[in-house]
Amino acid sequence: STWAYYNNQITPTQPGPVNMKMLSYIMPLMFMFVLNSFPAGLTFYYFVSNIVTIAQQLLIKRFVNEDKIKSILEENRKKNVNGEKKQTKFQKYLEKSLQAADEAKKKQADLEKRAKKKK
């Protein structure tokens, strides 16, 4: 059907045991036989949800600049390779907490050593 063809055009080929493009041809046929015995409302719901999904994909492809996103991702990959990582507040907080925990362990170990020496 039209939906299967359009969906296959926007779905990239994925490796794996089941080819997703082939599955997208088979599933509408399976649904036709399964949903044919149900009331018409369910089939209509399936049809409308497919139309809405196609419209969403068209809007996303129209307004999202893929080249810009890819260039930003490539810049971030290069920064990560070079070690230019910007830490978030949570990462800074976590690092301080780990340092404090390490210092507390060292102090505890020193106290235990001193207690053993006194005995």
N, C-alpha and C. Protein backbone atom coordinates (compact mmCIF):
# COMPACT_ATOMS: atom_id res chain seq x y z
N SER A 1 0.83 -1.19 0.00
CA SER A 1 0.00 0.00 0.00
C SER A 1 0.88 1.25 0.00
N THR A 2 0.25 2.40 -0.01
CA THR A 2 0.98 3.68 -0.07
C THR A 2 1.81 3.88 1.18
N TRP A 3 1.24 3.53 2.32
CA TRP A 3 1.97 3.72 3.58
C TRP A 3 3.24 2.87 3.60
N ALA A 4 3.14 1.63 3.17
CA ALA A 4 4.31 0.76 3.19
C ALA A 4 5.40 1.30 2.27
N TYR A 5 5.01 1.77 1.10
CA TYR A 5 6.00 2.31 0.18
C TYR A 5 6.68 3.55 0.77
N TYR A 6 5.88 4.49 1.29
CA TYR A 6 6.45 5.71 1.85
C TYR A 6 7.34 5.40 3.05
N ASN A 7 6.88 4.52 3.90
CA ASN A 7 7.66 4.16 5.09
C ASN A 7 8.98 3.52 4.70
N ASN A 8 9.00 2.73 3.65
CA ASN A 8 10.24 2.11 3.20
C ASN A 8 11.22 3.12 2.64
N GLN A 9 10.71 4.20 2.10
CA GLN A 9 11.59 5.23 1.55
C GLN A 9 12.31 6.00 2.65
N ILE A 10 11.67 6.14 3.83
CA ILE A 10 12.30 6.89 4.92
C ILE A 10 13.02 6.00 5.92
N THR A 11 12.84 4.67 5.82
CA THR A 11 13.47 3.75 6.75
C THR A 11 14.79 3.26 6.16
N PRO A 12 15.91 3.49 6.88
CA PRO A 12 17.19 2.99 6.37
C PRO A 12 17.28 1.47 6.54
N THR A 13 18.09 0.84 5.73
CA THR A 13 18.30 -0.60 5.85
C THR A 13 19.08 -0.87 7.13
N GLN A 14 18.57 -1.80 7.92
CA GLN A 14 19.20 -2.11 9.20
C GLN A 14 19.69 -3.55 9.18
N PRO A 15 20.89 -3.76 9.71
CA PRO A 15 21.40 -5.13 9.76
C PRO A 15 20.68 -5.92 10.84
N GLY A 16 20.64 -7.20 10.69
CA GLY A 16 20.02 -8.03 11.70
C GLY A 16 19.32 -9.21 11.07
N PRO A 17 18.75 -10.07 11.91
CA PRO A 17 18.11 -11.27 11.38
C PRO A 17 16.84 -10.97 10.58
N VAL A 18 16.13 -9.88 10.93
CA VAL A 18 14.89 -9.53 10.23
C VAL A 18 15.10 -8.21 9.51
N ASN A 19 14.91 -8.22 8.20
CA ASN A 19 15.04 -6.99 7.44
C ASN A 19 13.80 -6.14 7.70
N MET A 20 13.99 -4.95 8.26
CA MET A 20 12.86 -4.10 8.65
C MET A 20 12.06 -3.62 7.45
N LYS A 21 12.70 -3.43 6.31
CA LYS A 21 11.95 -3.01 5.13
C LYS A 21 10.98 -4.11 4.70
N MET A 22 11.41 -5.34 4.75
CA MET A 22 10.53 -6.45 4.37
C MET A 22 9.38 -6.56 5.38
N LEU A 23 9.69 -6.36 6.63
CA LEU A 23 8.66 -6.43 7.67
C LEU A 23 7.61 -5.34 7.48
N SER A 24 8.03 -4.18 6.99
CA SER A 24 7.06 -3.10 6.79
C SER A 24 6.13 -3.38 5.62
N TYR A 25 6.48 -4.29 4.72
CA TYR A 25 5.56 -4.72 3.68
C TYR A 25 4.59 -5.78 4.20
N ILE A 26 5.10 -6.64 5.05
CA ILE A 26 4.30 -7.76 5.54
C ILE A 26 3.29 -7.32 6.60
N MET A 27 3.68 -6.41 7.49
CA MET A 27 2.80 -6.04 8.60
C MET A 27 1.46 -5.45 8.16
N PRO A 28 1.38 -4.55 7.17
CA PRO A 28 0.05 -4.07 6.76
C PRO A 28 -0.85 -5.18 6.25
N LEU A 29 -0.27 -6.16 5.56
CA LEU A 29 -1.08 -7.28 5.09
C LEU A 29 -1.59 -8.11 6.26
N MET A 30 -0.72 -8.34 7.24
CA MET A 30 -1.15 -9.08 8.42
C MET A 30 -2.25 -8.33 9.16
N PHE A 31 -2.07 -7.02 9.32
CA PHE A 31 -3.09 -6.22 10.00
C PHE A 31 -4.41 -6.23 9.23
N MET A 32 -4.33 -6.25 7.89
CA MET A 32 -5.56 -6.27 7.10
C MET A 32 -6.38 -7.52 7.44
N PHE A 33 -5.71 -8.67 7.54
CA PHE A 33 -6.43 -9.90 7.85
C PHE A 33 -6.88 -9.94 9.31
N VAL A 34 -6.05 -9.47 10.21
CA VAL A 34 -6.40 -9.50 11.63
C VAL A 34 -7.50 -8.49 11.94
N LEU A 35 -7.35 -7.27 11.44
CA LEU A 35 -8.30 -6.22 11.77
C LEU A 35 -9.58 -6.29 10.95
N ASN A 36 -9.60 -7.12 9.92
CA ASN A 36 -10.78 -7.22 9.07
C ASN A 36 -11.98 -7.77 9.84
N SER A 37 -11.72 -8.60 10.85
CA SER A 37 -12.82 -9.18 11.62
C SER A 37 -13.29 -8.26 12.75
N PHE A 38 -12.58 -7.19 13.02
CA PHE A 38 -12.97 -6.24 14.06
C PHE A 38 -13.86 -5.15 13.48
N PRO A 39 -14.48 -4.36 14.36
CA PRO A 39 -15.31 -3.26 13.86
C PRO A 39 -14.49 -2.28 13.01
N ALA A 40 -15.17 -1.54 12.16
CA ALA A 40 -14.52 -0.62 11.23
C ALA A 40 -13.75 0.48 11.96
N GLY A 41 -14.14 0.82 13.18
CA GLY A 41 -13.47 1.88 13.94
C GLY A 41 -12.00 1.58 14.19
N LEU A 42 -11.70 0.32 14.42
CA LEU A 42 -10.31 -0.06 14.68
C LEU A 42 -9.46 0.09 13.42
N THR A 43 -9.98 -0.31 12.30
CA THR A 43 -9.27 -0.14 11.04
C THR A 43 -9.11 1.34 10.72
N PHE A 44 -10.16 2.12 10.96
CA PHE A 44 -10.09 3.56 10.72
C PHE A 44 -9.05 4.20 11.64
N TYR A 45 -8.99 3.76 12.91
CA TYR A 45 -7.98 4.26 13.84
C TYR A 45 -6.58 3.96 13.31
N TYR A 46 -6.36 2.76 12.83
CA TYR A 46 -5.07 2.37 12.29
C TYR A 46 -4.71 3.24 11.09
N PHE A 47 -5.68 3.48 10.21
CA PHE A 47 -5.46 4.31 9.04
C PHE A 47 -5.10 5.75 9.43
N VAL A 48 -5.86 6.33 10.37
CA VAL A 48 -5.62 7.72 10.79
C VAL A 48 -4.27 7.84 11.50
N SER A 49 -3.93 6.86 12.32
CA SER A 49 -2.64 6.93 13.02
C SER A 49 -1.48 6.87 12.03
N ASN A 50 -1.63 6.10 10.96
CA ASN A 50 -0.59 6.06 9.92
C ASN A 50 -0.47 7.40 9.21
N ILE A 51 -1.60 8.02 8.90
CA ILE A 51 -1.58 9.32 8.23
C ILE A 51 -0.91 10.37 9.13
N VAL A 52 -1.22 10.34 10.43
CA VAL A 52 -0.61 11.29 11.37
C VAL A 52 0.89 11.05 11.47
N THR A 53 1.30 9.80 11.49
CA THR A 53 2.73 9.47 11.56
C THR A 53 3.46 9.97 10.32
N ILE A 54 2.87 9.77 9.17
CA ILE A 54 3.50 10.25 7.92
C ILE A 54 3.60 11.77 7.95
N ALA A 55 2.54 12.44 8.40
CA ALA A 55 2.57 13.91 8.48
C ALA A 55 3.65 14.39 9.44
N GLN A 56 3.80 13.71 10.57
CA GLN A 56 4.85 14.09 11.53
C GLN A 56 6.23 13.94 10.90
N GLN A 57 6.45 12.85 10.19
CA GLN A 57 7.75 12.64 9.55
C GLN A 57 8.02 13.71 8.50
N LEU A 58 6.99 14.07 7.72
CA LEU A 58 7.18 15.11 6.72
C LEU A 58 7.53 16.45 7.36
N LEU A 59 6.84 16.79 8.45
CA LEU A 59 7.13 18.05 9.15
C LEU A 59 8.54 18.05 9.73
N ILE A 60 8.92 16.95 10.32
CA ILE A 60 10.25 16.86 10.92
C ILE A 60 11.31 17.01 9.83
N LYS A 61 11.14 16.29 8.72
CA LYS A 61 12.12 16.39 7.64
C LYS A 61 12.16 17.78 7.02
N ARG A 62 11.02 18.48 7.03
CA ARG A 62 10.97 19.81 6.45
C ARG A 62 11.66 20.85 7.32
N PHE A 63 11.48 20.77 8.63
CA PHE A 63 11.98 21.82 9.53
C PHE A 63 13.31 21.51 10.20
N VAL A 64 13.74 20.27 10.18
CA VAL A 64 15.00 19.91 10.84
C VAL A 64 16.09 19.88 9.78
N ASN A 65 17.16 20.62 10.04
CA ASN A 65 18.30 20.67 9.13
C ASN A 65 19.28 19.57 9.53
N GLU A 66 19.26 18.47 8.79
CA GLU A 66 20.10 17.33 9.13
C GLU A 66 21.59 17.64 9.00
N ASP A 67 21.94 18.43 8.00
CA ASP A 67 23.36 18.76 7.80
C ASP A 67 23.91 19.54 8.99
N LYS A 68 23.10 20.46 9.52
CA LYS A 68 23.54 21.26 10.67
C LYS A 68 23.73 20.35 11.89
N ILE A 69 22.79 19.44 12.11
CA ILE A 69 22.90 18.52 13.25
C ILE A 69 24.12 17.63 13.09
N LYS A 70 24.34 17.11 11.87
CA LYS A 70 25.50 16.25 11.65
C LYS A 70 26.81 17.00 11.87
N SER A 71 26.87 18.29 11.46
CA SER A 71 28.10 19.05 11.67
C SER A 71 28.34 19.31 13.16
N ILE A 72 27.28 19.58 13.91
CA ILE A 72 27.42 19.77 15.36
C ILE A 72 27.89 18.48 16.02
N LEU A 73 27.31 17.34 15.62
CA LEU A 73 27.74 16.06 16.18
C LEU A 73 29.19 15.76 15.85
N GLU A 74 29.61 16.08 14.63
CA GLU A 74 31.00 15.84 14.24
C GLU A 74 31.96 16.72 15.04
N GLU A 75 31.58 17.98 15.28
CA GLU A 75 32.40 18.85 16.12
C GLU A 75 32.52 18.31 17.53
N ASN A 76 31.42 17.82 18.08
CA ASN A 76 31.45 17.26 19.43
C ASN A 76 32.30 16.00 19.49
N ARG A 77 32.26 15.17 18.44
CA ARG A 77 33.11 13.98 18.41
C ARG A 77 34.58 14.36 18.41
N LYS A 78 34.92 15.39 17.61
CA LYS A 78 36.31 15.84 17.56
C LYS A 78 36.75 16.38 18.91
N LYS A 79 35.89 17.14 19.58
CA LYS A 79 36.23 17.67 20.90
C LYS A 79 36.46 16.54 21.89
N ASN A 80 35.61 15.50 21.84
CA ASN A 80 35.75 14.38 22.76
C ASN A 80 37.02 13.59 22.50
N VAL A 81 37.40 13.48 21.24
CA VAL A 81 38.64 12.77 20.90
C VAL A 81 39.84 13.55 21.42
N ASN A 82 39.79 14.88 21.31
CA ASN A 82 40.89 15.73 21.75
C ASN A 82 40.90 15.94 23.26
N GLY A 83 39.89 15.48 23.95
CA GLY A 83 39.84 15.62 25.40
C GLY A 83 39.28 16.95 25.87
N GLU A 84 38.63 17.69 25.01
CA GLU A 84 38.05 18.98 25.37
C GLU A 84 36.61 18.79 25.84
N LYS A 85 36.45 18.13 26.96
CA LYS A 85 35.10 17.87 27.46
C LYS A 85 34.71 18.95 28.47
N LYS A 86 33.54 19.47 28.31
CA LYS A 86 33.01 20.43 29.26
C LYS A 86 32.18 19.67 30.29
N GLN A 87 32.53 19.85 31.56
CA GLN A 87 31.82 19.13 32.60
C GLN A 87 30.53 19.86 32.98
N THR A 88 29.50 19.08 33.23
CA THR A 88 28.25 19.66 33.70
C THR A 88 28.35 19.88 35.20
N LYS A 89 27.39 20.60 35.75
CA LYS A 89 27.39 20.84 37.21
C LYS A 89 27.30 19.53 37.97
N PHE A 90 26.48 18.61 37.47
CA PHE A 90 26.34 17.32 38.14
C PHE A 90 27.66 16.56 38.12
N GLN A 91 28.37 16.59 36.99
CA GLN A 91 29.66 15.89 36.91
C GLN A 91 30.66 16.51 37.88
N LYS A 92 30.67 17.84 38.00
CA LYS A 92 31.57 18.50 38.94
C LYS A 92 31.22 18.12 40.37
N TYR A 93 29.91 18.09 40.68
CA TYR A 93 29.46 17.71 42.02
C TYR A 93 29.86 16.27 42.32
N LEU A 94 29.68 15.39 41.35
CA LEU A 94 30.02 13.99 41.54
C LEU A 94 31.53 13.82 41.75
N GLU A 95 32.32 14.56 41.00
CA GLU A 95 33.77 14.48 41.15
C GLU A 95 34.21 14.95 42.54
N LYS A 96 33.61 16.07 43.02
CA LYS A 96 33.94 16.55 44.37
C LYS A 96 33.53 15.53 45.43
N SER A 97 32.37 14.91 45.24
CA SER A 97 31.91 13.90 46.20
C SER A 97 32.86 12.70 46.24
N LEU A 98 33.34 12.27 45.07
CA LEU A 98 34.27 11.15 45.02
C LEU A 98 35.60 11.50 45.69
N GLN A 99 36.07 12.73 45.47
CA GLN A 99 37.30 13.16 46.11
C GLN A 99 37.13 13.22 47.63
N ALA A 100 35.98 13.71 48.09
CA ALA A 100 35.73 13.77 49.52
C ALA A 100 35.67 12.36 50.11
N ALA A 101 35.06 11.42 49.38
CA ALA A 101 34.99 10.04 49.86
C ALA A 101 36.38 9.42 49.93
N ASP A 102 37.23 9.70 48.94
CA ASP A 102 38.60 9.19 48.96
C ASP A 102 39.39 9.74 50.15
N GLU A 103 39.23 11.04 50.41
CA GLU A 103 39.91 11.65 51.55
C GLU A 103 39.43 11.04 52.86
N ALA A 104 38.14 10.78 52.96
CA ALA A 104 37.59 10.18 54.18
C ALA A 104 38.14 8.77 54.37
N LYS A 105 38.29 8.00 53.28
CA LYS A 105 38.87 6.66 53.38
C LYS A 105 40.32 6.73 53.84
N LYS A 106 41.07 7.70 53.30
CA LYS A 106 42.47 7.84 53.70
C LYS A 106 42.58 8.19 55.17
N LYS A 107 41.74 9.10 55.64
CA LYS A 107 41.76 9.48 57.05
C LYS A 107 41.41 8.29 57.93
N GLN A 108 40.41 7.51 57.50
CA GLN A 108 40.01 6.34 58.28
C GLN A 108 41.14 5.32 58.32
N ALA A 109 41.83 5.13 57.19
CA ALA A 109 42.95 4.20 57.16
C ALA A 109 44.08 4.69 58.06
N ASP A 110 44.36 6.00 58.06
CA ASP A 110 45.39 6.55 58.94
C ASP A 110 45.03 6.34 60.40
N LEU A 111 43.78 6.58 60.76
CA LEU A 111 43.33 6.37 62.14
C LEU A 111 43.47 4.92 62.55
N GLU A 112 43.15 4.00 61.66
CA GLU A 112 43.28 2.57 61.98
C GLU A 112 44.75 2.20 62.17
N LYS A 113 45.64 2.76 61.34
CA LYS A 113 47.07 2.48 61.48
C LYS A 113 47.58 3.00 62.83
N ARG A 114 47.16 4.20 63.19
CA ARG A 114 47.59 4.77 64.47
C ARG A 114 47.07 3.97 65.64
N ALA A 115 45.84 3.47 65.52
CA ALA A 115 45.26 2.67 66.60
C ALA A 115 46.03 1.35 66.75
N LYS A 116 46.45 0.76 65.65
CA LYS A 116 47.22 -0.49 65.70
C LYS A 116 48.59 -0.26 66.29
N LYS A 117 49.22 0.90 66.00
CA LYS A 117 50.55 1.20 66.53
C LYS A 117 50.51 1.40 68.03
N LYS A 118 49.43 2.00 68.52
CA LYS A 118 49.31 2.24 69.97
C LYS A 118 49.13 0.97 70.75
N LYS A 119 48.60 -0.05 70.14
CA LYS A 119 48.38 -1.32 70.85
C LYS A 119 49.66 -2.03 70.94
